[in-house]
Amino acid sequence: MAQMNAVLITAAGGPEVLQLHQVTIREPGRGEMRVRVRAAGVNRADLLQRRGLYPPPPGWPAEIPGLEYAGEVESVGDGVALWQAGDCVMGLVGGGGYAEFVVVPEREAIAVPAGLSFEEAAAIPEVFITAHDALFTQLGLGLGERLLIHAVGSGVGTAALQLAKVAGATVLGTSRSAWKLERARELGLDVAIDSSKEDMAEAVRGATGGEGVHAILDLVGGPYLAGSLESLAVKGRMIVVGLTAGRNAEVDLGAVLSKRLHIVGTSLRTRPLEERIAAARAFDRDVGGLLSNGRVRPILDRVLPLEEAAEAHRQMESNANFGKIVLKLPTK
């Protein structure tokens, strides 16, 4: 059987457990296609999977990390009508992205926007689909509203910042790194809050005339919850996407009741296939053209070869990146 190179999680542990091995290439089934991966995005979910804390959904490889890919359609299964060999596509997978090939449902794939490299395309699916779904499908962010983004210098944070600005929102953002806030200003951030030095809720009140923000995109979780509830305006909405600061926090239910707040949790990876397809199609409809004409763009921090996946994880764990880290595969 044909073999391919893939980065395997050889045991639960640190970055050193990621090793390049040969594994069997799977044939595409009905409605599926096999994509030759040219680049793969690195995400914090990959770090959790490596440590044994975030298993992939059923049907996806537990030993190969990677949630997003960009590459060329290599072969198609029975019933595939949307794509043909040679088409350039990108998309989400439940796992297995750190490999030379992935097999994906054809309806979940998205065309690589015109003018973008595979490395840029691989930096798009997870962060932009997540941001678009959270801000517009779930929070219903509207023109002229005020949005607060926690971890605005992250991959999802930079995507959400750009999409919100195009939609006419005023964007406030938090980070514990002053240099990341300065970089975010270059992308249009209106109010920068250094959460290592400032009281978040106080800074939000000062920037909004005491009214608070209409919506919050929380990519941090944990102890940020109390300040977030204080920062929301009456009838404000908050969506929790990430838990890098921890999964436990105390909730002031009095504030939730008196302000009539809405708090939503979300995860793309664990959704049923049809819901993931709907999110991908909505993203392609609303954002594909913005990426092609440059009104929004993927923010690449660095590109490393596939065999340096362990170093990519070390860089992400150090919080030294602004935007996305991408793994590049050799061209054959």
Protein backbone atom coordinates (compact mmCIF):
# COMPACT_ATOMS: atom_id res chain seq x y z
CA MET A 1 0.00 0.00 0.00
CA ALA A 2 1.16 3.55 -0.76
CA GLN A 3 2.88 5.43 2.05
CA MET A 4 3.22 9.10 2.97
CA ASN A 5 5.13 11.21 5.47
CA ALA A 6 3.18 12.39 8.49
CA VAL A 7 4.00 13.91 11.86
CA LEU A 8 2.93 11.46 14.55
CA ILE A 9 2.23 11.99 18.24
CA THR A 10 4.35 9.09 19.52
CA ALA A 11 3.21 9.55 23.14
CA ALA A 12 1.38 12.15 25.18
CA GLY A 13 3.88 14.81 26.14
CA GLY A 14 5.95 17.79 25.07
CA PRO A 15 6.90 18.92 21.56
CA GLU A 16 9.64 16.29 21.38
CA VAL A 17 7.01 13.52 20.98
CA LEU A 18 6.21 14.83 17.46
CA GLN A 19 8.15 12.70 14.98
CA LEU A 20 8.05 12.22 11.23
CA HIS A 21 7.00 8.70 10.17
CA GLN A 22 5.65 6.82 7.17
CA VAL A 23 1.96 5.90 7.30
CA THR A 24 -0.51 4.40 4.86
CA ILE A 25 -2.34 6.70 2.44
CA ARG A 26 -6.13 6.25 2.62
CA GLU A 27 -8.25 6.03 -0.51
CA PRO A 28 -11.15 8.50 -0.80
CA GLY A 29 -14.63 7.07 -0.35
CA ARG A 30 -17.90 8.18 -1.88
CA GLY A 31 -18.25 11.97 -1.70
CA GLU A 32 -14.63 12.34 -0.57
CA MET A 33 -11.44 13.50 -2.23
CA ARG A 34 -7.77 13.15 -1.45
CA VAL A 35 -5.77 16.37 -1.24
CA ARG A 36 -2.00 16.64 -1.55
CA VAL A 37 -1.20 18.97 1.34
CA ARG A 38 1.15 21.81 0.52
CA ALA A 39 0.83 23.63 3.87
CA ALA A 40 -0.86 23.02 7.22
CA GLY A 41 -1.80 25.52 9.91
CA VAL A 42 -0.76 25.06 13.54
CA ASN A 43 -3.39 25.64 16.25
CA ARG A 44 -3.58 25.49 20.02
CA ALA A 45 -5.91 22.51 19.72
CA ASP A 46 -2.94 20.64 18.23
CA LEU A 47 -0.93 21.35 21.39
CA LEU A 48 -3.73 19.98 23.55
CA GLN A 49 -4.07 16.89 21.35
CA ARG A 50 -0.33 16.30 21.62
CA ARG A 51 -0.60 16.36 25.41
CA GLY A 52 -3.49 13.89 25.36
CA LEU A 53 -6.05 16.46 26.48
CA TYR A 54 -8.13 17.00 23.32
CA PRO A 55 -8.87 13.84 21.31
CA PRO A 56 -10.14 14.25 17.75
CA PRO A 57 -13.73 13.48 16.77
CA PRO A 58 -14.51 9.88 15.74
CA GLY A 59 -13.16 8.93 12.33
CA TRP A 60 -10.11 11.20 12.43
CA PRO A 61 -6.57 10.05 13.31
CA ALA A 62 -5.69 10.53 16.96
CA GLU A 63 -1.96 10.19 16.27
CA ILE A 64 -1.69 12.86 13.54
CA PRO A 65 -2.46 16.46 14.59
CA GLY A 66 -3.55 19.27 12.30
CA LEU A 67 -6.93 20.97 11.82
CA GLU A 68 -6.43 22.87 8.57
CA TYR A 69 -4.77 22.34 5.23
CA ALA A 70 -4.20 23.87 1.82
CA GLY A 71 -3.21 21.94 -1.26
CA GLU A 72 -4.23 20.38 -4.56
CA VAL A 73 -6.92 17.78 -5.23
CA GLU A 74 -5.03 14.60 -6.11
CA SER A 75 -7.91 12.13 -6.64
CA VAL A 76 -11.67 11.96 -6.07
CA GLY A 77 -14.06 9.25 -4.94
CA ASP A 78 -17.37 8.20 -6.45
CA GLY A 79 -20.02 10.89 -6.63
CA VAL A 80 -17.66 13.87 -6.34
CA ALA A 81 -18.89 16.65 -8.62
CA LEU A 82 -17.63 19.92 -7.13
CA TRP A 83 -13.89 19.40 -7.64
CA GLN A 84 -11.45 17.69 -9.95
CA ALA A 85 -7.79 16.74 -9.82
CA GLY A 86 -5.55 19.79 -9.79
CA ASP A 87 -8.00 22.16 -8.09
CA CYS A 88 -6.46 24.25 -5.30
CA VAL A 89 -8.44 23.91 -2.08
CA MET A 90 -8.24 24.61 1.63
CA GLY A 91 -10.36 23.59 4.57
CA LEU A 92 -10.85 22.10 8.01
CA VAL A 93 -10.28 18.54 9.14
CA GLY A 94 -10.89 16.82 12.47
CA GLY A 95 -7.23 15.81 12.53
CA GLY A 96 -4.50 14.55 10.24
CA GLY A 97 -3.40 17.85 8.70
CA TYR A 98 0.33 17.36 9.44
CA ALA A 99 0.68 14.91 6.55
CA GLU A 100 1.35 14.76 2.82
CA PHE A 101 -2.26 13.82 2.09
CA VAL A 102 -5.66 14.27 3.73
CA VAL A 103 -8.99 12.76 2.72
CA VAL A 104 -11.88 15.21 3.11
CA PRO A 105 -15.60 15.49 2.32
CA GLU A 106 -15.85 17.42 -0.95
CA ARG A 107 -18.55 19.78 0.36
CA GLU A 108 -16.37 21.01 3.21
CA ALA A 109 -13.51 22.11 0.95
CA ILE A 110 -13.12 25.75 -0.10
CA ALA A 111 -11.32 27.18 -3.13
CA VAL A 112 -8.02 28.89 -2.33
CA PRO A 113 -8.68 32.64 -2.81
CA ALA A 114 -7.11 34.16 -5.90
CA GLY A 115 -3.62 35.51 -5.43
CA LEU A 116 -2.82 33.65 -2.19
CA SER A 117 -0.02 31.15 -1.68
CA PHE A 118 -0.65 27.73 -0.12
CA GLU A 119 1.08 28.95 3.04
CA GLU A 120 -1.28 31.92 3.28
CA ALA A 121 -4.27 29.72 2.50
CA ALA A 122 -3.34 27.25 5.26
CA ALA A 123 -3.48 30.15 7.74
CA ILE A 124 -7.12 30.86 6.90
CA PRO A 125 -9.66 28.06 7.58
CA GLU A 126 -9.56 27.53 11.34
CA VAL A 127 -9.20 31.16 12.37
CA PHE A 128 -11.36 32.88 9.77
CA ILE A 129 -14.21 30.34 9.79
CA THR A 130 -14.18 30.39 13.60
CA ALA A 131 -14.17 34.20 13.71
CA HIS A 132 -16.85 34.60 11.03
CA ASP A 133 -19.14 32.02 12.62
CA ALA A 134 -18.70 33.44 16.12
CA LEU A 135 -19.10 37.12 15.24
CA PHE A 136 -21.85 37.04 12.65
CA THR A 137 -23.70 33.72 12.72
CA GLN A 138 -23.85 33.47 16.51
CA LEU A 139 -23.35 36.96 17.94
CA GLY A 140 -24.99 38.84 15.08
CA LEU A 141 -22.41 41.64 15.23
CA GLY A 142 -23.84 44.75 13.60
CA LEU A 143 -22.72 48.01 12.05
CA GLY A 144 -21.57 50.54 14.65
CA GLU A 145 -21.42 48.10 17.54
CA ARG A 146 -18.48 47.89 19.94
CA LEU A 147 -16.61 44.57 20.10
CA LEU A 148 -14.00 43.46 22.65
CA ILE A 149 -11.59 40.71 21.56
CA HIS A 150 -9.51 38.89 24.16
CA ALA A 151 -6.09 37.77 22.83
CA VAL A 152 -6.42 40.07 19.84
CA GLY A 153 -2.94 39.12 18.61
CA SER A 154 -3.81 35.44 18.20
CA GLY A 155 -4.79 33.80 14.92
CA VAL A 156 -8.53 33.99 15.59
CA GLY A 157 -8.05 37.42 17.17
CA THR A 158 -6.40 38.97 14.11
CA ALA A 159 -9.02 37.41 11.81
CA ALA A 160 -11.89 38.66 13.98
CA LEU A 161 -10.38 42.15 14.21
CA GLN A 162 -10.23 42.48 10.43
CA LEU A 163 -13.71 41.08 9.83
CA ALA A 164 -15.24 43.31 12.50
CA LYS A 165 -13.63 46.43 11.05
CA VAL A 166 -14.91 45.60 7.55
CA ALA A 167 -18.38 45.20 9.12
CA GLY A 168 -18.20 48.69 10.63
CA ALA A 169 -17.60 47.78 14.27
CA THR A 170 -15.43 49.62 16.79
CA VAL A 171 -12.91 47.10 18.12
CA LEU A 172 -11.24 46.98 21.51
CA GLY A 173 -8.63 44.30 22.12
CA THR A 174 -6.68 42.81 25.00
CA SER A 175 -3.22 41.26 25.12
CA ARG A 176 -0.54 40.76 27.72
CA SER A 177 2.11 41.89 25.23
CA ALA A 178 2.47 45.56 24.32
CA TRP A 179 4.15 44.71 21.00
CA LYS A 180 1.20 42.55 19.96
CA LEU A 181 -1.17 45.43 20.67
CA GLU A 182 0.96 47.70 18.48
CA ARG A 183 0.81 45.16 15.66
CA ALA A 184 -2.96 44.92 16.13
CA ARG A 185 -3.25 48.71 15.81
CA GLU A 186 -1.76 48.34 12.34
CA LEU A 187 -4.73 46.09 11.48
CA GLY A 188 -7.23 48.68 12.67
CA LEU A 189 -7.57 48.08 16.42
CA ASP A 190 -9.30 51.12 17.91
CA VAL A 191 -8.57 50.63 21.61
CA ALA A 192 -5.63 48.58 22.93
CA ILE A 193 -5.81 47.20 26.48
CA ASP A 194 -2.67 45.74 28.07
CA SER A 195 -4.22 43.16 30.40
CA SER A 196 -0.90 42.66 32.20
CA LYS A 197 -1.00 46.28 33.45
CA GLU A 198 -4.55 47.61 33.17
CA ASP A 199 -7.85 46.71 34.77
CA MET A 200 -9.80 45.48 31.78
CA ALA A 201 -13.28 46.54 32.89
CA GLU A 202 -12.04 49.97 33.94
CA ALA A 203 -10.28 50.46 30.60
CA VAL A 204 -13.42 49.44 28.70
CA ARG A 205 -15.60 51.83 30.72
CA GLY A 206 -13.15 54.66 30.05
CA ALA A 207 -13.08 53.97 26.32
CA THR A 208 -16.86 53.66 25.95
CA GLY A 209 -18.08 56.52 28.11
CA GLY A 210 -19.16 54.05 30.78
CA GLU A 211 -21.53 52.19 28.46
CA GLY A 212 -19.49 49.03 27.87
CA VAL A 213 -19.24 46.90 24.73
CA HIS A 214 -22.07 45.24 22.86
CA ALA A 215 -20.19 42.00 22.23
CA ILE A 216 -17.13 40.08 23.42
CA LEU A 217 -15.13 37.40 21.62
CA ASP A 218 -13.34 35.51 24.41
CA LEU A 219 -10.38 33.41 23.29
CA VAL A 220 -8.93 33.15 26.80
CA GLY A 221 -11.53 32.00 29.36
CA GLY A 222 -10.65 31.45 33.00
CA PRO A 223 -10.22 34.58 35.15
CA TYR A 224 -11.16 36.91 32.27
CA LEU A 225 -14.84 36.10 32.80
CA ALA A 226 -15.45 38.50 35.71
CA GLY A 227 -13.99 41.47 33.85
CA SER A 228 -15.88 40.50 30.72
CA LEU A 229 -19.23 40.56 32.49
CA GLU A 230 -18.38 43.99 33.90
CA SER A 231 -17.39 45.20 30.44
CA LEU A 232 -20.61 44.22 28.68
CA ALA A 233 -23.35 46.76 28.09
CA VAL A 234 -26.97 46.01 28.92
CA LYS A 235 -28.19 43.14 26.70
CA GLY A 236 -24.58 42.45 25.71
CA ARG A 237 -23.46 39.16 24.17
CA MET A 238 -20.34 37.13 24.77
CA ILE A 239 -19.06 34.05 22.97
CA VAL A 240 -16.37 31.83 24.49
CA VAL A 241 -14.12 30.22 21.88
CA GLY A 242 -10.87 29.43 23.73
CA LEU A 243 -9.77 28.46 27.23
CA THR A 244 -6.03 29.19 27.22
CA ALA A 245 -6.26 30.74 30.71
CA GLY A 246 -8.32 27.88 32.13
CA ARG A 247 -11.76 26.32 31.96
CA ASN A 248 -13.03 27.32 35.42
CA ALA A 249 -14.29 30.71 36.59
CA GLU A 250 -16.85 32.18 38.97
CA VAL A 251 -19.92 33.73 37.38
CA ASP A 252 -21.71 36.74 38.84
CA LEU A 253 -25.22 35.63 37.99
CA GLY A 254 -26.57 38.89 39.35
CA ALA A 255 -24.80 40.76 36.55
CA VAL A 256 -26.07 38.24 33.99
CA LEU A 257 -29.65 38.79 35.16
CA SER A 258 -29.63 42.53 35.71
CA LYS A 259 -27.92 43.28 32.39
CA ARG A 260 -29.85 40.55 30.54
CA LEU A 261 -26.62 39.14 29.15
CA HIS A 262 -26.21 36.31 26.64
CA ILE A 263 -23.23 33.95 27.04
CA VAL A 264 -22.55 31.39 24.31
CA GLY A 265 -19.94 28.65 23.95
CA THR A 266 -18.75 27.31 20.63
CA SER A 267 -16.43 24.76 19.03
CA LEU A 268 -16.12 23.96 15.33
CA ARG A 269 -14.20 20.73 15.70
CA THR A 270 -16.90 18.84 17.58
CA ARG A 271 -19.82 19.85 15.36
CA PRO A 272 -21.58 17.38 13.06
CA LEU A 273 -20.42 17.37 9.45
CA GLU A 274 -23.45 19.23 8.10
CA GLU A 275 -22.93 22.07 10.59
CA ARG A 276 -19.24 22.34 9.66
CA ILE A 277 -20.18 22.42 5.98
CA ALA A 278 -22.71 25.19 6.65
CA ALA A 279 -20.07 27.23 8.49
CA ALA A 280 -17.57 26.74 5.64
CA ARG A 281 -20.11 27.74 2.99
CA ALA A 282 -21.17 30.86 4.93
CA PHE A 283 -17.52 31.86 5.32
CA ASP A 284 -16.83 31.33 1.61
CA ARG A 285 -19.88 33.41 0.66
CA ASP A 286 -19.07 36.34 2.93
CA VAL A 287 -15.29 36.35 3.21
CA GLY A 288 -13.86 34.66 0.11
CA GLY A 289 -14.09 37.84 -1.94
CA LEU A 290 -12.59 39.94 0.86
CA LEU A 291 -9.54 37.66 0.90
CA SER A 292 -9.19 37.75 -2.89
CA ASN A 293 -9.27 41.55 -3.06
CA GLY A 294 -7.05 42.03 -0.02
CA ARG A 295 -9.55 43.77 2.26
CA VAL A 296 -8.73 41.13 4.86
CA ARG A 297 -5.68 38.90 4.89
CA PRO A 298 -4.19 35.99 6.78
CA ILE A 299 -1.52 37.10 9.24
CA LEU A 300 1.50 34.81 9.00
CA ASP A 301 3.97 34.85 11.86
CA ARG A 302 6.33 32.24 10.41
CA VAL A 303 6.52 29.26 8.06
CA LEU A 304 8.49 26.17 9.06
CA PRO A 305 9.06 22.87 7.22
CA LEU A 306 6.89 19.92 8.25
CA GLU A 307 9.81 18.16 9.92
CA GLU A 308 10.09 21.10 12.35
CA ALA A 309 6.59 20.61 13.76
CA ALA A 310 8.05 20.27 17.27
CA GLU A 311 9.68 23.70 16.95
CA ALA A 312 6.39 25.15 15.71
CA HIS A 313 4.71 23.86 18.87
CA ARG A 314 7.46 25.32 21.05
CA GLN A 315 7.03 28.70 19.40
CA MET A 316 3.26 28.65 19.94
CA GLU A 317 3.60 27.56 23.56
CA SER A 318 5.97 30.46 24.21
CA ASN A 319 3.30 32.92 22.96
CA ALA A 320 5.97 34.50 20.80
CA ASN A 321 3.85 34.51 17.65
CA PHE A 322 1.56 37.21 16.26
CA GLY A 323 -0.88 35.53 13.94
CA LYS A 324 -0.40 32.08 12.46
CA ILE A 325 2.41 29.52 12.39
CA VAL A 326 2.27 27.34 9.29
CA LEU A 327 4.03 24.12 8.32
CA LYS A 328 5.20 23.86 4.71
CA LEU A 329 5.44 20.55 2.89
CA PRO A 330 7.95 19.87 0.11
CA THR A 331 6.81 20.17 -3.50
CA LYS A 332 7.12 16.93 -5.43
